[in-house]
Amino acid sequence: MIEYIEGKVSALTPASLILEAGGLGYFINISLYTYSQIDGKEGIKILIHEVIREDAHQLFGFAASHERELFRILISVLGVGANTA
């Protein structure tokens, strides 16, 4: 599992960001809260929750550990997926 990624923000939207680290660009899904915390910053460290399925590998990023923990609690509820959480 990936705990966090530290790097330079290449692109940022309210729903996602591309973070360049070690010559790779990571597409990371984010919340509006995380967007507001990192907007305007070049170099960041973002906490990661990785979802691996048969058809996709997804990264979800969080500016704070309490937000990631809430996300993990929500996805443990039956019927609530990562995109909904």
Protein backbone atom coordinates (compact mmCIF):
# COMPACT_ATOMS: atom_id res chain seq x y z
CA MET A 1 0.00 0.00 0.00
CA ILE A 2 1.07 3.56 -0.66
CA GLU A 3 0.99 5.73 2.49
CA TYR A 4 1.70 9.10 0.88
CA ILE A 5 3.23 10.76 -2.16
CA GLU A 6 5.33 13.91 -1.96
CA GLY A 7 5.94 15.93 -5.08
CA LYS A 8 5.07 18.85 -7.32
CA VAL A 9 1.51 19.62 -8.43
CA SER A 10 1.36 19.47 -12.25
CA ALA A 11 -2.40 19.96 -12.62
CA LEU A 12 -5.20 20.63 -10.16
CA THR A 13 -9.00 20.54 -10.45
CA PRO A 14 -11.61 20.40 -7.67
CA ALA A 15 -11.95 16.64 -8.24
CA SER A 16 -8.40 15.51 -9.07
CA LEU A 17 -4.75 16.37 -9.26
CA ILE A 18 -1.69 15.19 -11.08
CA LEU A 19 1.29 14.95 -8.76
CA GLU A 20 4.77 14.58 -10.22
CA ALA A 21 7.14 12.55 -8.05
CA GLY A 22 10.31 10.81 -9.14
CA GLY A 23 9.65 11.43 -12.81
CA LEU A 24 6.16 9.90 -12.70
CA GLY A 25 2.82 11.72 -12.85
CA TYR A 26 0.20 10.26 -10.51
CA PHE A 27 -3.50 10.92 -11.19
CA ILE A 28 -5.14 11.26 -7.77
CA ASN A 29 -8.84 11.70 -6.99
CA ILE A 30 -9.41 14.33 -4.27
CA SER A 31 -12.25 15.93 -2.33
CA LEU A 32 -13.18 19.61 -2.27
CA TYR A 33 -11.71 19.87 1.23
CA THR A 34 -8.34 18.60 0.01
CA TYR A 35 -8.56 20.89 -3.02
CA SER A 36 -9.04 23.90 -0.74
CA GLN A 37 -6.06 22.85 1.40
CA ILE A 38 -3.59 22.44 -1.49
CA ASP A 39 -4.82 25.12 -3.92
CA GLY A 40 -1.98 27.50 -4.69
CA LYS A 41 0.79 25.24 -3.39
CA GLU A 42 3.47 23.80 -5.66
CA GLY A 43 5.07 21.11 -3.53
CA ILE A 44 2.81 18.96 -1.37
CA LYS A 45 2.67 15.72 0.59
CA ILE A 46 -0.66 13.96 0.14
CA LEU A 47 -1.95 10.93 2.04
CA ILE A 48 -3.12 8.10 -0.21
CA HIS A 49 -5.76 5.40 -0.16
CA GLU A 50 -5.22 2.95 -3.00
CA VAL A 51 -8.07 0.93 -4.52
CA ILE A 52 -7.07 -2.04 -6.68
CA ARG A 53 -9.74 -3.80 -8.71
CA GLU A 54 -9.65 -6.16 -11.67
CA ASP A 55 -10.25 -3.35 -14.13
CA ALA A 56 -8.63 -0.34 -12.44
CA HIS A 57 -6.09 0.97 -9.97
CA GLN A 58 -7.27 4.20 -8.32
CA LEU A 59 -5.56 6.61 -5.96
CA PHE A 60 -7.55 8.78 -3.57
CA GLY A 61 -5.67 11.63 -1.92
CA PHE A 62 -6.25 13.49 1.33
CA ALA A 63 -4.70 16.58 2.87
CA ALA A 64 -5.34 15.39 6.45
CA SER A 65 -5.31 12.02 8.18
CA HIS A 66 -8.75 12.54 9.76
CA GLU A 67 -10.28 12.94 6.29
CA ARG A 68 -8.69 9.69 5.10
CA GLU A 69 -9.92 7.84 8.20
CA LEU A 70 -13.48 9.07 7.62
CA PHE A 71 -13.21 7.92 3.99
CA ARG A 72 -12.10 4.46 5.13
CA ILE A 73 -15.03 4.24 7.55
CA LEU A 74 -17.48 5.24 4.81
CA ILE A 75 -16.22 2.65 2.30
CA SER A 76 -16.63 -0.07 4.92
CA VAL A 77 -20.41 0.52 4.84
CA LEU A 78 -22.23 -1.94 2.57
CA GLY A 79 -23.21 -0.25 -0.69
CA VAL A 80 -20.90 2.75 -0.35
CA GLY A 81 -18.08 2.74 -2.88
CA ALA A 82 -14.92 4.81 -3.05
CA ASN A 83 -16.35 7.36 -5.49
CA THR A 84 -19.42 7.92 -3.31
CA ALA A 85 -17.40 8.18 -0.12
